[in-house]
Every structure is written in structure tokens, then in C-alpha cells.
N, C-alpha and C. Protein backbone atom coordinates (compact mmCIF):
# COMPACT_ATOMS: atom_id res chain seq x y z
N MET A 1 17.21 -5.97 -31.39
CA MET A 1 15.91 -5.34 -30.96
C MET A 1 15.21 -6.47 -30.41
N PRO A 2 14.36 -6.61 -29.47
CA PRO A 2 13.47 -7.63 -29.28
C PRO A 2 12.69 -7.83 -30.42
N GLN A 3 12.17 -9.35 -30.24
CA GLN A 3 11.06 -9.46 -31.33
C GLN A 3 9.73 -8.79 -31.19
N SER A 4 9.22 -8.49 -29.62
CA SER A 4 8.33 -7.66 -29.73
C SER A 4 8.64 -7.27 -27.85
N ILE A 5 8.04 -6.35 -27.72
CA ILE A 5 8.07 -5.81 -26.41
C ILE A 5 7.39 -6.79 -25.40
N GLU A 6 6.35 -7.66 -25.76
CA GLU A 6 5.66 -8.67 -24.99
C GLU A 6 6.77 -9.92 -24.83
N GLU A 7 7.42 -10.24 -26.07
CA GLU A 7 8.43 -11.24 -25.84
C GLU A 7 9.48 -10.90 -24.71
N LEU A 8 9.94 -9.75 -24.98
CA LEU A 8 11.07 -9.06 -24.17
C LEU A 8 10.55 -9.15 -22.50
N GLU A 9 9.49 -8.81 -22.22
CA GLU A 9 8.72 -9.06 -21.04
C GLU A 9 8.57 -10.25 -20.64
N LYS A 10 8.29 -11.17 -21.18
CA LYS A 10 8.08 -12.64 -21.10
C LYS A 10 9.70 -13.25 -20.51
N ARG A 11 10.50 -12.76 -21.48
CA ARG A 11 11.86 -13.37 -21.25
C ARG A 11 12.50 -12.83 -19.90
N LEU A 12 12.22 -11.50 -19.58
CA LEU A 12 12.92 -10.82 -18.49
C LEU A 12 12.28 -11.50 -17.31
N LYS A 13 10.95 -11.78 -17.32
CA LYS A 13 9.96 -12.59 -16.29
C LYS A 13 11.02 -13.84 -16.03
N ALA A 14 10.88 -14.47 -17.02
CA ALA A 14 11.38 -16.10 -17.02
C ALA A 14 12.76 -16.22 -16.43
N ARG A 15 13.69 -15.17 -16.64
CA ARG A 15 15.12 -15.14 -16.35
C ARG A 15 15.10 -15.03 -14.47
N SER A 16 14.26 -14.38 -13.90
CA SER A 16 14.14 -14.18 -12.61
C SER A 16 15.15 -13.45 -11.89
N THR A 17 15.89 -12.74 -12.67
CA THR A 17 16.77 -11.83 -11.95
C THR A 17 16.64 -10.36 -11.82
N ASP A 18 15.36 -9.83 -12.17
CA ASP A 18 15.21 -8.55 -11.90
C ASP A 18 13.79 -8.59 -10.97
N ASP A 19 13.37 -7.63 -10.11
CA ASP A 19 12.15 -7.57 -9.52
C ASP A 19 11.29 -6.82 -10.60
N ASN A 20 10.11 -6.91 -10.29
CA ASN A 20 8.90 -6.22 -10.99
C ASN A 20 9.05 -5.05 -11.26
N GLN A 21 9.69 -4.18 -10.45
CA GLN A 21 10.00 -2.49 -10.93
C GLN A 21 11.48 -2.36 -11.97
N ALA A 22 12.20 -3.31 -11.83
CA ALA A 22 13.10 -3.20 -12.71
C ALA A 22 12.74 -3.83 -14.12
N ILE A 23 11.71 -4.81 -13.98
CA ILE A 23 11.48 -5.05 -15.39
C ILE A 23 10.68 -4.09 -15.97
N LYS A 24 9.94 -3.16 -15.10
CA LYS A 24 8.91 -2.26 -15.84
C LYS A 24 10.03 -1.30 -16.26
N THR A 25 11.10 -1.00 -15.72
CA THR A 25 11.72 0.25 -16.12
C THR A 25 12.66 -0.34 -17.50
N ARG A 26 12.92 -1.58 -17.31
CA ARG A 26 13.81 -2.01 -18.79
C ARG A 26 12.60 -1.92 -20.13
N ILE A 27 11.42 -2.07 -19.58
CA ILE A 27 10.51 -2.16 -20.89
C ILE A 27 9.96 -1.03 -21.36
N GLU A 28 9.83 0.12 -20.29
CA GLU A 28 9.96 1.43 -20.73
C GLU A 28 11.05 1.86 -21.36
N LYS A 29 12.22 1.58 -21.18
CA LYS A 29 13.55 2.07 -21.56
C LYS A 29 13.43 1.30 -23.07
N ALA A 30 13.15 0.13 -23.00
CA ALA A 30 13.05 -0.44 -24.62
C ALA A 30 12.14 0.18 -25.30
N LYS A 31 11.12 0.59 -25.16
CA LYS A 31 9.93 1.15 -25.71
C LYS A 31 10.77 2.46 -26.39
N TYR A 32 11.03 3.14 -25.40
CA TYR A 32 11.59 4.33 -25.80
C TYR A 32 12.89 4.07 -26.75
N GLU A 33 13.63 3.20 -26.68
CA GLU A 33 14.68 3.10 -27.56
C GLU A 33 14.40 2.42 -29.07
N LEU A 34 13.09 1.81 -29.00
CA LEU A 34 12.67 1.24 -30.58
C LEU A 34 11.96 2.55 -31.16
N ASP A 35 11.55 3.61 -30.31
CA ASP A 35 11.03 4.53 -31.16
C ASP A 35 12.08 5.27 -32.29
N PHE A 36 13.51 5.02 -31.97
CA PHE A 36 14.67 5.47 -32.89
C PHE A 36 15.12 4.30 -33.85
N ALA A 37 14.49 3.11 -34.00
CA ALA A 37 14.58 2.03 -34.75
C ALA A 37 14.85 2.41 -36.17
N ASP A 38 14.05 3.48 -36.66
CA ASP A 38 14.02 4.08 -37.68
C ASP A 38 15.45 4.81 -38.24
N LYS A 39 16.26 4.98 -37.29
CA LYS A 39 17.27 6.03 -37.53
C LYS A 39 18.46 4.98 -37.81
N PHE A 40 18.16 4.00 -37.83
CA PHE A 40 19.60 2.91 -37.76
C PHE A 40 19.55 2.23 -39.27
N ASP A 41 20.84 2.01 -39.63
CA ASP A 41 20.94 1.42 -41.03
C ASP A 41 20.46 -0.21 -41.21
N VAL A 42 20.54 -0.63 -39.90
CA VAL A 42 20.46 -1.93 -39.90
C VAL A 42 19.81 -2.30 -38.50
N LYS A 43 18.94 -3.24 -38.58
CA LYS A 43 18.08 -3.63 -37.42
C LYS A 43 18.11 -5.29 -37.13
N ILE A 44 18.26 -5.78 -36.20
CA ILE A 44 18.85 -7.24 -35.95
C ILE A 44 17.80 -7.67 -34.99
N VAL A 45 16.78 -8.75 -35.27
CA VAL A 45 15.81 -8.86 -34.42
C VAL A 45 16.45 -10.19 -33.39
N ASN A 46 16.56 -10.06 -32.20
CA ASN A 46 17.11 -11.10 -31.57
C ASN A 46 16.05 -12.19 -30.86
N ASP A 47 15.55 -12.75 -32.04
CA ASP A 47 14.62 -14.04 -31.48
C ASP A 47 15.35 -15.09 -31.47
N ASP A 48 16.68 -15.26 -32.23
CA ASP A 48 17.31 -16.48 -32.08
C ASP A 48 18.53 -16.02 -31.68
N LEU A 49 19.27 -16.20 -30.54
CA LEU A 49 20.81 -15.82 -29.95
C LEU A 49 21.89 -16.10 -30.95
N GLU A 50 21.77 -17.17 -31.44
CA GLU A 50 23.02 -17.87 -32.26
C GLU A 50 22.95 -16.90 -33.76
N ARG A 51 21.40 -17.14 -34.21
CA ARG A 51 21.58 -16.27 -35.48
C ARG A 51 21.69 -14.84 -35.37
N ALA A 52 21.09 -14.62 -34.40
CA ALA A 52 21.37 -13.01 -34.03
C ALA A 52 23.10 -12.41 -34.10
N LYS A 53 23.94 -13.37 -33.41
CA LYS A 53 25.11 -13.08 -33.05
C LYS A 53 25.77 -13.18 -34.20
N ILE A 54 25.27 -14.23 -35.35
CA ILE A 54 25.97 -14.33 -36.58
C ILE A 54 26.06 -13.17 -37.48
N GLU A 55 24.52 -12.56 -37.69
CA GLU A 55 24.03 -11.46 -38.19
C GLU A 55 25.02 -10.34 -37.71
N VAL A 56 25.03 -10.25 -36.47
CA VAL A 56 25.97 -8.89 -35.78
C VAL A 56 27.28 -9.12 -36.29
N HIS A 57 27.88 -10.25 -36.39
CA HIS A 57 29.40 -10.06 -36.66
C HIS A 57 29.43 -9.87 -37.98
N LYS A 58 28.43 -10.36 -39.09
CA LYS A 58 28.53 -10.34 -40.60
C LYS A 58 28.41 -8.41 -40.88
N VAL A 59 27.45 -7.96 -39.99
CA VAL A 59 27.39 -6.66 -40.20
C VAL A 59 28.57 -5.78 -39.76
N VAL A 60 29.01 -6.04 -38.64
CA VAL A 60 30.38 -5.34 -38.00
C VAL A 60 31.46 -5.60 -39.10
N LYS A 61 31.61 -6.84 -39.56
CA LYS A 61 32.71 -7.20 -40.50
C LYS A 61 32.90 -6.35 -41.60
N GLU A 62 31.49 -6.13 -42.26
CA GLU A 62 31.30 -5.52 -43.65
C GLU A 62 31.65 -4.28 -43.42
N PHE A 63 30.96 -3.63 -42.09
CA PHE A 63 31.19 -2.05 -42.03
C PHE A 63 32.83 -1.79 -41.98
N LEU A 64 33.50 -2.60 -41.02
CA LEU A 64 34.78 -2.30 -40.74
C LEU A 64 35.82 -2.72 -42.25
N SER A 65 35.00 -3.37 -42.98
CA SER A 65 35.82 -3.42 -44.40
C SER A 65 35.77 -2.39 -45.38
N LYS A 66 34.92 -1.54 -45.21
CA LYS A 66 34.56 -0.44 -46.00
C LYS A 66 35.79 0.48 -45.94
């Protein structure tokens, strides 16, 4: 999940890969999806890509070993 909606919007704009309407659509979708965050067992904040990747790998590995 993003660090915050504001940070997500900032990153999307900085990438310059989507137009303003696409960014708006992605932001609205992210807001909707974040409404369900409390339904998940694990939440990983993507504020540092390398750390988030390590954390995701650890969580998946632990899950698969059960």
C-alpha cells in the first residue's frame, strides 16, 4: 500500500507516464482499495521499494511454509 494517497499522487506525477485523467483514476481506485486494508492479515507500506520487496518475500515464504 502507498505511504499515503498524497505520496502516491506525487510519485505518479513524477513518473510522467500517465496523463492527469489516468492519475486521477488510479488515485480514486487506490482510495477505494485502501477502504479494504483492514480486511488483510498483513499490510506492507511501499515507502522503500527494497525493504518492501524483502518484507513481501518474507511474508509469502512464511505463508507457504504453513
